[in-house]
C-alpha atoms as a PDB file:
ATOM      1  CA  GLY A   1     -32.842 -22.847 -97.219  1.00  0.00           C
ATOM      2  CA  ASP A   2     -36.134 -23.719 -95.736  1.00  0.00           C
ATOM      3  CA  GLU A   3     -36.832 -22.139 -92.371  1.00  0.00           C
ATOM      4  CA  ASP A   4     -37.269 -24.520 -89.466  1.00  0.00           C
ATOM      5  CA  ASP A   5     -40.818 -25.208 -88.569  1.00  0.00           C
ATOM      6  CA  TYR A   6     -40.949 -25.009 -84.793  1.00  0.00           C
ATOM      7  CA  MET A   7     -44.355 -26.642 -84.815  1.00  0.00           C
ATOM      8  CA  SER A   8     -43.274 -29.707 -86.767  1.00  0.00           C
ATOM      9  CA  ALA A   9     -42.674 -33.106 -85.146  1.00  0.00           C
ATOM     10  CA  ASN A  10     -39.161 -33.258 -86.630  1.00  0.00           C
ATOM     11  CA  PHE A  11     -38.038 -30.218 -84.606  1.00  0.00           C
ATOM     12  CA  LEU A  12     -39.256 -31.794 -81.359  1.00  0.00           C
ATOM     13  CA  ALA A  13     -37.621 -35.134 -82.187  1.00  0.00           C
ATOM     14  CA  GLU A  14     -34.245 -33.534 -82.763  1.00  0.00           C
ATOM     15  CA  SER A  15     -34.264 -31.663 -79.408  1.00  0.00           C
ATOM     16  CA  GLU A  16     -32.693 -33.206 -76.269  1.00  0.00           C
ATOM     17  CA  ASP A  17     -34.883 -34.627 -73.561  1.00  0.00           C
ATOM     18  CA  LEU A  18     -34.044 -32.155 -70.723  1.00  0.00           C
ATOM     19  CA  ARG A  19     -36.576 -32.318 -67.926  1.00  0.00           C
ATOM     20  CA  PRO A  20     -37.018 -29.150 -65.891  1.00  0.00           C
ATOM     21  CA  GLY A  21     -35.426 -29.166 -62.412  1.00  0.00           C
ATOM     22  CA  LEU A  22     -32.941 -31.942 -63.143  1.00  0.00           C
ATOM     23  CA  VAL A  23     -29.180 -31.358 -63.187  1.00  0.00           C
ATOM     24  CA  HIS A  24     -27.299 -33.697 -65.487  1.00  0.00           C
ATOM     25  CA  SER A  25     -23.776 -32.155 -65.448  1.00  0.00           C
ATOM     26  CA  ARG A  26     -21.632 -33.096 -62.411  1.00  0.00           C
ATOM     27  CA  ALA A  27     -20.034 -29.644 -62.221  1.00  0.00           C
ATOM     28  CA  THR A  28     -23.408 -27.980 -62.458  1.00  0.00           C
ATOM     29  CA  LYS A  29     -24.720 -30.288 -59.763  1.00  0.00           C
ATOM     30  CA  ARG A  30     -21.852 -29.376 -57.385  1.00  0.00           C
ATOM     31  CA  ARG A  31     -22.440 -25.672 -57.969  1.00  0.00           C
ATOM     32  CA  PHE A  32     -26.133 -26.131 -57.402  1.00  0.00           C
ATOM     33  CA  GLU A  33     -25.534 -27.953 -54.079  1.00  0.00           C
ATOM     34  CA  ALA A  34     -23.135 -25.214 -52.893  1.00  0.00           C
ATOM     35  CA  GLU A  35     -25.661 -22.483 -53.704  1.00  0.00           C
ATOM     36  CA  LYS A  36     -28.375 -24.438 -51.946  1.00  0.00           C
ATOM     37  CA  LYS A  37     -26.296 -24.785 -48.752  1.00  0.00           C
ATOM     38  CA  HIS A  38     -25.401 -21.085 -48.833  1.00  0.00           C
ATOM     39  CA  HIS A  39     -29.068 -20.158 -49.208  1.00  0.00           C
ATOM     40  CA  GLU A  40     -30.067 -22.393 -46.276  1.00  0.00           C
ATOM     41  CA  ALA A  41     -27.279 -20.912 -44.107  1.00  0.00           C
ATOM     42  CA  ASN A  42     -28.489 -17.381 -44.831  1.00  0.00           C
ATOM     43  CA  LYS A  43     -32.035 -18.418 -44.037  1.00  0.00           C
ATOM     44  CA  MET A  44     -30.956 -19.909 -40.691  1.00  0.00           C
ATOM     45  CA  SER A  45     -29.000 -16.769 -39.785  1.00  0.00           C
ATOM     46  CA  ARG A  46     -32.006 -14.607 -40.576  1.00  0.00           C
ATOM     47  CA  THR A  47     -34.273 -16.767 -38.458  1.00  0.00           C
ATOM     48  CA  LYS A  48     -34.202 -15.507 -34.859  1.00  0.00           C
ATOM     49  CA  SER A  49     -34.657 -17.693 -31.853  1.00  0.00           C
ATOM     50  CA  THR A  50     -37.851 -17.544 -29.839  1.00  0.00           C
ATOM     51  CA  LYS A  51     -36.003 -15.874 -26.955  1.00  0.00           C
ATOM     52  CA  GLN A  52     -34.612 -13.191 -29.244  1.00  0.00           C
ATOM     53  CA  LEU A  53     -38.014 -12.614 -30.842  1.00  0.00           C
ATOM     54  CA  MET A  54     -39.602 -12.231 -27.397  1.00  0.00           C
ATOM     55  CA  GLU A  55     -36.930  -9.767 -26.317  1.00  0.00           C
ATOM     56  CA  ASP A  56     -37.284  -7.712 -29.496  1.00  0.00           C
ATOM     57  CA  THR A  57     -41.064  -7.658 -29.183  1.00  0.00           C
ATOM     58  CA  ARG A  58     -40.872  -6.617 -25.533  1.00  0.00           C
ATOM     59  CA  THR A  59     -38.330  -3.873 -26.262  1.00  0.00           C
ATOM     60  CA  GLU A  60     -40.430  -2.528 -29.107  1.00  0.00           C
ATOM     61  CA  ALA A  61     -43.597  -2.529 -27.002  1.00  0.00           C
ATOM     62  CA  LEU A  62     -41.932  -0.839 -24.011  1.00  0.00           C
ATOM     63  CA  SER A  63     -40.385   1.845 -26.191  1.00  0.00           C
ATOM     64  CA  LYS A  64     -43.811   3.044 -27.333  1.00  0.00           C
ATOM     65  CA  PRO A  65     -46.035   5.140 -25.060  1.00  0.00           C
ATOM     66  CA  LEU A  66     -49.550   3.998 -24.337  1.00  0.00           C
ATOM     67  CA  GLY A  67     -51.994   5.007 -27.032  1.00  0.00           C
ATOM     68  CA  GLU A  68     -55.517   6.298 -26.698  1.00  0.00           C
ATOM     69  CA  GLU A  69     -56.834   2.855 -27.509  1.00  0.00           C
ATOM     70  CA  ASN A  70     -55.506   1.663 -24.146  1.00  0.00           C
ATOM     71  CA  LYS A  71     -58.205   1.505 -21.478  1.00  0.00           C
ATOM     72  CA  GLY A  72     -55.845   2.466 -18.682  1.00  0.00           C
ATOM     73  CA  PHE A  73     -54.649   5.523 -20.565  1.00  0.00           C
ATOM     74  CA  ASN A  74     -58.225   6.611 -21.253  1.00  0.00           C
ATOM     75  CA  LEU A  75     -59.021   6.230 -17.568  1.00  0.00           C
ATOM     76  CA  LEU A  76     -56.083   8.486 -16.675  1.00  0.00           C
ATOM     77  CA  LYS A  77     -57.233  11.065 -19.226  1.00  0.00           C
ATOM     78  CA  MET A  78     -60.635  11.166 -17.612  1.00  0.00           C
ATOM     79  CA  MET A  79     -58.889  11.872 -14.302  1.00  0.00           C
ATOM     80  CA  GLY A  80     -57.110  14.880 -15.826  1.00  0.00           C
ATOM     81  CA  PHE A  81     -53.841  13.279 -16.929  1.00  0.00           C
ATOM     82  CA  LYS A  82     -52.113  14.642 -20.000  1.00  0.00           C
ATOM     83  CA  PRO A  83     -49.128  13.155 -21.872  1.00  0.00           C
ATOM     84  CA  GLY A  84     -45.860  14.450 -20.358  1.00  0.00           C
ATOM     85  CA  MET A  85     -47.321  15.101 -16.904  1.00  0.00           C
ATOM     86  CA  GLY A  86     -46.015  13.469 -13.740  1.00  0.00           C
ATOM     87  CA  LEU A  87     -48.194  11.404 -11.468  1.00  0.00           C
ATOM     88  CA  GLY A  88     -49.144  12.647  -8.014  1.00  0.00           C
ATOM     89  CA  LYS A  89     -50.132  15.978  -6.506  1.00  0.00           C
ATOM     90  CA  ALA A  90     -49.655  19.196  -8.425  1.00  0.00           C
ATOM     91  CA  ALA A  91     -47.245  20.464  -5.742  1.00  0.00           C
ATOM     92  CA  THR A  92     -44.908  17.536  -6.342  1.00  0.00           C
ATOM     93  CA  ALA A  93     -45.501  17.201 -10.078  1.00  0.00           C
ATOM     94  CA  GLY A  94     -42.139  18.788 -10.886  1.00  0.00           C
ATOM     95  CA  SER A  95     -40.157  16.123  -9.035  1.00  0.00           C
ATOM     96  CA  SER A  96     -42.367  13.143  -9.848  1.00  0.00           C
ATOM     97  CA  LEU A  97     -41.574  10.548 -12.492  1.00  0.00           C
ATOM     98  CA  LYS A  98     -42.644  11.397 -16.018  1.00  0.00           C
ATOM     99  CA  GLU A  99     -41.630   8.041 -17.462  1.00  0.00           C
ATOM    100  CA  PRO A 100     -42.540   4.601 -16.144  1.00  0.00           C
ATOM    101  CA  ILE A 101     -40.005   2.645 -14.151  1.00  0.00           C
ATOM    102  CA  PRO A 102     -38.051   0.498 -16.623  1.00  0.00           C
ATOM    103  CA  ILE A 103     -38.506  -3.242 -16.551  1.00  0.00           C
ATOM    104  CA  VAL A 104     -35.306  -5.137 -15.751  1.00  0.00           C
ATOM    105  CA  VAL A 105     -35.341  -8.745 -16.903  1.00  0.00           C
ATOM    106  CA  ARG A 106     -33.126 -10.892 -14.693  1.00  0.00           C
ATOM    107  CA  ALA A 107     -31.209 -13.764 -16.224  1.00  0.00           C
ATOM    108  CA  ASN A 108     -29.920 -15.115 -12.886  1.00  0.00           C
ATOM    109  CA  ARG A 109     -31.660 -16.664  -9.897  1.00  0.00           C
ATOM    110  CA  GLY A 110     -30.857 -13.855  -7.451  1.00  0.00           C
ATOM    111  CA  GLY A 111     -33.758 -12.393  -5.533  1.00  0.00           C
ATOM    112  CA  LEU A 112     -34.912  -8.793  -5.651  1.00  0.00           C
ATOM    113  CA  GLY A 113     -32.381  -6.444  -4.077  1.00  0.00           C
ATOM    114  CA  GLN A 114     -29.735  -9.141  -3.633  1.00  0.00           C
ATOM    115  CA  GLU A 115     -27.234  -7.633  -6.061  1.00  0.00           C
ATOM    116  CA  SER A 116     -27.650  -4.093  -4.729  1.00  0.00           C
ATOM    117  CA  GLU A 117     -27.304  -5.340  -1.146  1.00  0.00           C
ATOM    118  CA  ALA A 118     -24.143  -7.273  -1.994  1.00  0.00           C
ATOM    119  CA  ARG A 119     -22.743  -4.226  -3.792  1.00  0.00           C
ATOM    120  CA  GLU A 120     -23.521  -2.013  -0.785  1.00  0.00           C
ATOM    121  CA  ARG A 121     -21.788  -4.484   1.545  1.00  0.00           C
ATOM    122  CA  ILE A 122     -18.680  -4.494  -0.650  1.00  0.00           C
ATOM    123  CA  GLU A 123     -18.623  -0.692  -0.872  1.00  0.00           C
ATOM    124  CA  ALA A 124     -19.068  -0.370   2.906  1.00  0.00           C
ATOM    125  CA  ARG A 125     -16.269  -2.892   3.496  1.00  0.00           C
ATOM    126  CA  LEU A 126     -13.963  -1.041   1.113  1.00  0.00           C
ATOM    127  CA  LYS A 127     -14.798   2.268   2.779  1.00  0.00           C
ATOM    128  CA  THR A 128     -14.167   0.832   6.244  1.00  0.00           C
ATOM    129  CA  THR A 129     -10.910  -0.754   5.105  1.00  0.00           C
ATOM    130  CA  SER A 130      -9.779   2.465   3.473  1.00  0.00           C
ATOM    131  CA  GLU A 131     -10.583   4.510   6.590  1.00  0.00           C
ATOM    132  CA  ALA A 132      -8.838   1.979   8.836  1.00  0.00           C
ATOM    133  CA  GLU A 133      -5.776   2.005   6.571  1.00  0.00           C
ATOM    134  CA  CYS A 134      -5.648   5.813   6.611  1.00  0.00           C
ATOM    135  CA  ASN A 135      -6.017   5.855  10.394  1.00  0.00           C
ATOM    136  CA  ARG A 136      -3.279   3.252  10.770  1.00  0.00           C
ATOM    137  CA  MET A 137      -0.886   5.185   8.528  1.00  0.00           C
ATOM    138  CA  ALA A 138      -1.649   8.431  10.368  1.00  0.00           C
ATOM    139  CA  GLU A 139      -1.051   6.760  13.733  1.00  0.00           C
ATOM    140  CA  GLU A 140       2.231   5.272  12.506  1.00  0.00           C
ATOM    141  CA  PHE A 141       3.321   8.704  11.296  1.00  0.00           C
ATOM    142  CA  ARG A 142       2.432  10.326  14.623  1.00  0.00           C
ATOM    143  CA  SER A 143       4.173   7.523  16.516  1.00  0.00           C
ATOM    144  CA  ALA A 144       7.316   7.951  14.401  1.00  0.00           C
ATOM    145  CA  LYS A 145       7.277  11.705  15.037  1.00  0.00           C
ATOM    146  CA  ARG A 146       6.850  11.134  18.781  1.00  0.00           C
ATOM    147  CA  SER A 147       9.662   8.565  18.817  1.00  0.00           C
ATOM    148  CA  LYS A 148      11.969  10.926  16.953  1.00  0.00           C
ATOM    149  CA  ALA A 149      11.169  13.820  19.291  1.00  0.00           C
ATOM    150  CA  LEU A 150      11.648  11.574  22.346  1.00  0.00           C
ATOM    151  CA  LEU A 151      15.008  10.336  21.038  1.00  0.00           C
ATOM    152  CA  GLN A 152      16.193  13.897  20.452  1.00  0.00           C
ATOM    153  CA  GLN A 153      15.098  14.815  23.982  1.00  0.00           C
ATOM    154  CA  ILE A 154      16.970  11.844  25.489  1.00  0.00           C
ATOM    155  CA  GLU A 155      20.123  12.642  23.518  1.00  0.00           C
ATOM    156  CA  GLY A 156      19.920  16.269  24.686  1.00  0.00           C
ATOM    157  CA  ASP A 157      19.594  15.166  28.336  1.00  0.00           C
ATOM    158  CA  LEU A 158      22.514  12.774  27.854  1.00  0.00           C
ATOM    159  CA  ARG A 159      24.762  15.562  26.545  1.00  0.00           C
ATOM    160  CA  LYS A 160      23.812  17.752  29.516  1.00  0.00           C
ATOM    161  CA  SER A 161      24.593  14.878  31.880  1.00  0.00           C
ATOM    162  CA  GLN A 162      27.983  14.301  30.231  1.00  0.00           C
ATOM    163  CA  ARG A 163      28.956  17.972  30.577  1.00  0.00           C
ATOM    164  CA  ALA A 164      27.768  18.039  34.192  1.00  0.00           C
ATOM    165  CA  CYS A 165      29.666  14.824  34.941  1.00  0.00           C
ATOM    166  CA  TYR A 166      32.869  16.239  33.444  1.00  0.00           C
ATOM    167  CA  ASN A 167      32.609  19.477  35.439  1.00  0.00           C
ATOM    168  CA  LEU A 168      31.795  17.719  38.718  1.00  0.00           C
ATOM    169  CA  ASP A 169      34.506  15.051  38.256  1.00  0.00           C
ATOM    170  CA  SER A 170      37.053  17.724  37.340  1.00  0.00           C
ATOM    171  CA  ALA A 171      36.099  19.704  40.448  1.00  0.00           C
ATOM    172  CA  GLU A 172      37.060  16.641  42.505  1.00  0.00           C
ATOM    173  CA  ASP A 173      40.300  16.266  40.508  1.00  0.00           C
ATOM    174  CA  ILE A 174      39.169  13.020  38.835  1.00  0.00           C
ATOM    175  CA  LYS A 175      41.454  12.482  35.840  1.00  0.00           C
ATOM    176  CA  GLU A 176      39.478   9.811  33.974  1.00  0.00           C
ATOM    177  CA  PRO A 177      35.745   9.105  33.790  1.00  0.00           C
ATOM    178  CA  GLU A 178      34.319   5.960  35.291  1.00  0.00           C
ATOM    179  CA  GLN A 179      33.089   5.073  31.802  1.00  0.00           C
ATOM    180  CA  PRO A 180      34.575   6.651  28.649  1.00  0.00           C
ATOM    181  CA  TRP A 181      31.175   7.956  27.537  1.00  0.00           C
ATOM    182  CA  PHE A 182      30.480   9.610  30.920  1.00  0.00           C
ATOM    183  CA  TRP A 183      32.334  12.680  29.618  1.00  0.00           C
ATOM    184  CA  PRO A 184      31.904  14.514  26.293  1.00  0.00           C
ATOM    185  CA  SER A 185      34.129  13.018  23.600  1.00  0.00           C
ATOM    186  CA  SER A 186      35.845  16.383  23.116  1.00  0.00           C
ATOM    187  CA  THR A 187      37.237  16.234  26.677  1.00  0.00           C
ATOM    188  CA  LEU A 188      38.813  12.773  26.337  1.00  0.00           C
ATOM    189  CA  PRO A 189      42.527  12.449  25.451  1.00  0.00           C
ATOM    190  CA  ALA A 190      43.261  11.246  21.921  1.00  0.00           C
ATOM    191  CA  SER A 191      44.109   7.521  21.881  1.00  0.00           C
ATOM    192  CA  THR A 192      47.432   6.457  20.435  1.00  0.00           C
ATOM    193  CA  ASP A 193      47.673   3.645  17.925  1.00  0.00           C
ATOM    194  CA  GLY A 194      49.118   0.477  19.411  1.00  0.00           C
ATOM    195  CA  ASP A 195      51.449  -0.448  16.542  1.00  0.00           C
ATOM    196  CA  VAL A 196      52.923   3.097  16.554  1.00  0.00           C
ATOM    197  CA  ARG A 197      53.822   2.653  20.222  1.00  0.00           C
ATOM    198  CA  ASN A 198      55.429  -0.658  19.362  1.00  0.00           C
ATOM    199  CA  VAL A 199      57.519   0.936  16.605  1.00  0.00           C
ATOM    200  CA  VAL A 200      58.783   3.524  19.094  1.00  0.00           C
ATOM    201  CA  CYS A 201      59.623   0.803  21.595  1.00  0.00           C
ATOM    202  CA  LEU A 202      61.341  -1.187  18.884  1.00  0.00           C
ATOM    203  CA  ASP A 203      63.436   1.825  17.868  1.00  0.00           C
ATOM    204  CA  GLU A 204      64.425   2.345  21.497  1.00  0.00           C
ATOM    205  CA  ASP A 205      65.526  -1.280  21.753  1.00  0.00           C
ATOM    206  CA  VAL A 206      67.630  -0.923  18.629  1.00  0.00           C
ATOM    207  CA  ALA A 207      69.070   2.360  19.864  1.00  0.00           C
ATOM    208  CA  ASP A 208      70.138   0.701  23.127  1.00  0.00           C
ATOM    209  CA  GLY A 209      72.141  -1.810  21.113  1.00  0.00           C
ATOM    210  CA  GLY A 210      69.976  -4.762  21.970  1.00  0.00           C
ATOM    211  CA  ILE A 211      69.489  -7.633  19.565  1.00  0.00           C
ATOM    212  CA  VAL A 212      65.902  -7.978  18.494  1.00  0.00           C
ATOM    213  CA  SER A 213      64.696 -11.123  16.794  1.00  0.00           C
ATOM    214  CA  SER A 214      61.934 -11.336  14.233  1.00  0.00           C
ATOM    215  CA  ASP A 215      59.816 -13.229  16.771  1.00  0.00           C
ATOM    216  CA  ASP A 216      60.019 -10.324  19.202  1.00  0.00           C
ATOM    217  CA  VAL A 217      58.912  -7.918  16.508  1.00  0.00           C
ATOM    218  CA  LEU A 218      56.004 -10.202  15.626  1.00  0.00           C
ATOM    219  CA  VAL A 219      54.948 -10.540  19.262  1.00  0.00           C
ATOM    220  CA  LYS A 220      55.059  -6.797  19.873  1.00  0.00           C
ATOM    221  CA  GLN A 221      53.212  -5.950  16.689  1.00  0.00           C
ATOM    222  CA  THR A 222      50.583  -8.598  17.385  1.00  0.00           C
ATOM    223  CA  ARG A 223      50.059  -7.269  20.901  1.00  0.00           C
ATOM    224  CA  GLY A 224      49.653  -3.749  19.570  1.00  0.00           C
ATOM    225  CA  TRP A 225      47.122  -4.833  16.968  1.00  0.00           C
ATOM    226  CA  ASP A 226      45.198  -6.814  19.578  1.00  0.00           C
ATOM    227  CA  ASP A 227      45.017  -3.769  21.844  1.00  0.00           C
ATOM    228  CA  SER A 228      43.741  -1.524  19.060  1.00  0.00           C
ATOM    229  CA  ASP A 229      41.231  -4.171  17.977  1.00  0.00           C
ATOM    230  CA  ASN A 230      39.936  -4.485  21.534  1.00  0.00           C
ATOM    231  CA  GLU A 231      39.552  -0.719  21.781  1.00  0.00           C
ATOM    232  CA  ALA A 232      37.646  -0.640  18.475  1.00  0.00           C
ATOM    233  CA  GLU A 233      35.374  -3.458  19.654  1.00  0.00           C
ATOM    234  CA  GLU A 234      34.699  -1.626  22.917  1.00  0.00           C
ATOM    235  CA  GLU A 235      33.838   1.543  21.012  1.00  0.00           C
ATOM    236  CA  GLU A 236      31.446  -0.398  18.771  1.00  0.00           C
ATOM    237  CA  GLU A 237      29.788  -1.965  21.818  1.00  0.00           C
ATOM    238  CA  GLU A 238      29.424   1.475  23.398  1.00  0.00           C
ATOM    239  CA  GLU A 239      27.806   2.822  20.233  1.00  0.00           C
ATOM    240  CA  ASP A 240      25.305  -0.031  20.312  1.00  0.00           C
ATOM    241  CA  VAL A 241      24.110   0.973  23.798  1.00  0.00           C
ATOM    242  CA  ASP A 242      20.719   2.668  23.722  1.00  0.00           C
ATOM    243  CA  PRO A 243      20.879   6.405  24.611  1.00  0.00           C
ATOM    244  CA  SER A 244      18.082   5.981  27.156  1.00  0.00           C
ATOM    245  CA  GLU A 245      20.079   3.246  28.903  1.00  0.00           C
ATOM    246  CA  ARG A 246      23.172   5.455  28.942  1.00  0.00           C
ATOM    247  CA  LEU A 247      21.164   8.324  30.403  1.00  0.00           C
ATOM    248  CA  LYS A 248      19.808   6.039  33.115  1.00  0.00           C
ATOM    249  CA  VAL A 249      23.280   4.802  34.097  1.00  0.00           C
ATOM    250  CA  LEU A 250      24.848   8.267  34.035  1.00  0.00           C
ATOM    251  CA  THR A 251      21.966   9.780  36.015  1.00  0.00           C
ATOM    252  CA  GLU A 252      22.428   7.122  38.686  1.00  0.00           C
ATOM    253  CA  TYR A 253      26.160   7.916  38.845  1.00  0.00           C
ATOM    254  CA  LEU A 254      25.579  11.672  39.176  1.00  0.00           C
ATOM    255  CA  ARG A 255      23.051  11.159  41.965  1.00  0.00           C
ATOM    256  CA  ARG A 256      25.169   8.605  43.803  1.00  0.00           C
ATOM    257  CA  ARG A 257      28.568  10.286  43.453  1.00  0.00           C
ATOM    258  CA  HIS A 258      27.757  14.004  43.277  1.00  0.00           C
ATOM    259  CA  HIS A 259      24.136  14.226  44.512  1.00  0.00           C
ATOM    260  CA  TYR A 260      23.320  16.119  41.334  1.00  0.00           C
ATOM    261  CA  CYS A 261      20.134  16.204  39.240  1.00  0.00           C
ATOM    262  CA  ILE A 262      20.261  17.665  35.736  1.00  0.00           C
ATOM    263  CA  TRP A 263      16.525  18.418  35.701  1.00  0.00           C
ATOM    264  CA  CYS A 264      16.555  20.198  39.062  1.00  0.00           C
ATOM    265  CA  VAL A 265      19.914  21.754  38.061  1.00  0.00           C
ATOM    266  CA  ILE A 266      20.901  21.491  41.743  1.00  0.00           C
ATOM    267  CA  GLN A 267      23.750  19.735  43.546  1.00  0.00           C
ATOM    268  CA  PHE A 268      22.253  18.611  46.815  1.00  0.00           C
ATOM    269  CA  GLU A 269      24.179  18.465  50.078  1.00  0.00           C
ATOM    270  CA  ASP A 270      23.789  14.739  50.718  1.00  0.00           C
ATOM    271  CA  GLU A 271      21.477  11.780  50.191  1.00  0.00           C
ATOM    272  CA  GLU A 272      18.997  13.085  52.724  1.00  0.00           C
ATOM    273  CA  ASP A 273      18.852  16.413  50.912  1.00  0.00           C
ATOM    274  CA  MET A 274      18.296  14.557  47.617  1.00  0.00           C
ATOM    275  CA  THR A 275      14.935  13.348  48.874  1.00  0.00           C
ATOM    276  CA  ASN A 276      13.664  16.775  47.841  1.00  0.00           C
ATOM    277  CA  CYS A 277      14.267  15.762  44.184  1.00  0.00           C
ATOM    278  CA  PRO A 278      11.062  14.445  42.534  1.00  0.00           C
ATOM    279  CA  GLY A 279      12.854  11.483  40.974  1.00  0.00           C
ATOM    280  CA  PRO A 280      15.589  10.203  38.638  1.00  0.00           C
ATOM    281  CA  THR A 281      13.699  10.750  35.355  1.00  0.00           C
ATOM    282  CA  ARG A 282      12.404  13.664  33.297  1.00  0.00           C
ATOM    283  CA  ALA A 283       8.843  12.357  33.648  1.00  0.00           C
ATOM    284  CA  ASP A 284       9.095  12.735  37.433  1.00  0.00           C
ATOM    285  CA  HIS A 285       9.916  16.401  36.979  1.00  0.00           C
ATOM    286  CA  ASP A 286       7.317  17.011  34.263  1.00  0.00           C
ATOM    287  CA  ASP A 287       4.541  15.897  36.609  1.00  0.00           C
ATOM    288  CA  ASP A 288       5.365  18.695  39.038  1.00  0.00           C
END
């Protein structure tokens, strides 16, 4: 067939009237709008704020050393300065700064030195608190050690007083101590259980042929239990007594009854002779 003549008017008439830059298809228009928004978003992300641009420019300028075109640098060169040298006298050139002091841009409203001063105050407070805490713990430890040593000393003096009291009472043919704890526990007679005594008494009553009612048994057993309970309560009360208080009471008894001092280790003749004793406590004798 005949080839199309691209220069003929018929070829132009048959072509569609598509103007450049216009989007006729709806789908094409949506795609075009999406690409346009994406392009604008990328452009906005690439555009830096004025603050960021200023910071970048300042960082770039500060990172570069002064060039020979700088008047100040040329003035230093005329005074004998060379790149890499420190400022100041030659004797102190080794310890002087070779780089300029960095510029610190503050974003807050605090004055110069405020942050460092606040930090120093906090560090000093923490140091003081830490030292005070260590001193307090050390003092508590020393106090606990002193208290333990003092308690052991008091208990030792109490045991000596108990042995002395037993020997002196026995020398005067005293069968029982004025207080149960005046003598060492090893010298006291073993206590007998109350309900065992009641059983023995009950057996004796039965052996004698007497008639024993259940009420009698209950009364006797109850009395025995009450006695043993009272003894247990007394022992608990005695254990609750402070050793220093016991030592004080027993020392007073030894001085009053036997004119004896465990720290002097002397039995005086009488009260008048006891005036030669420094006093009724260990501290009185330690001062001598």
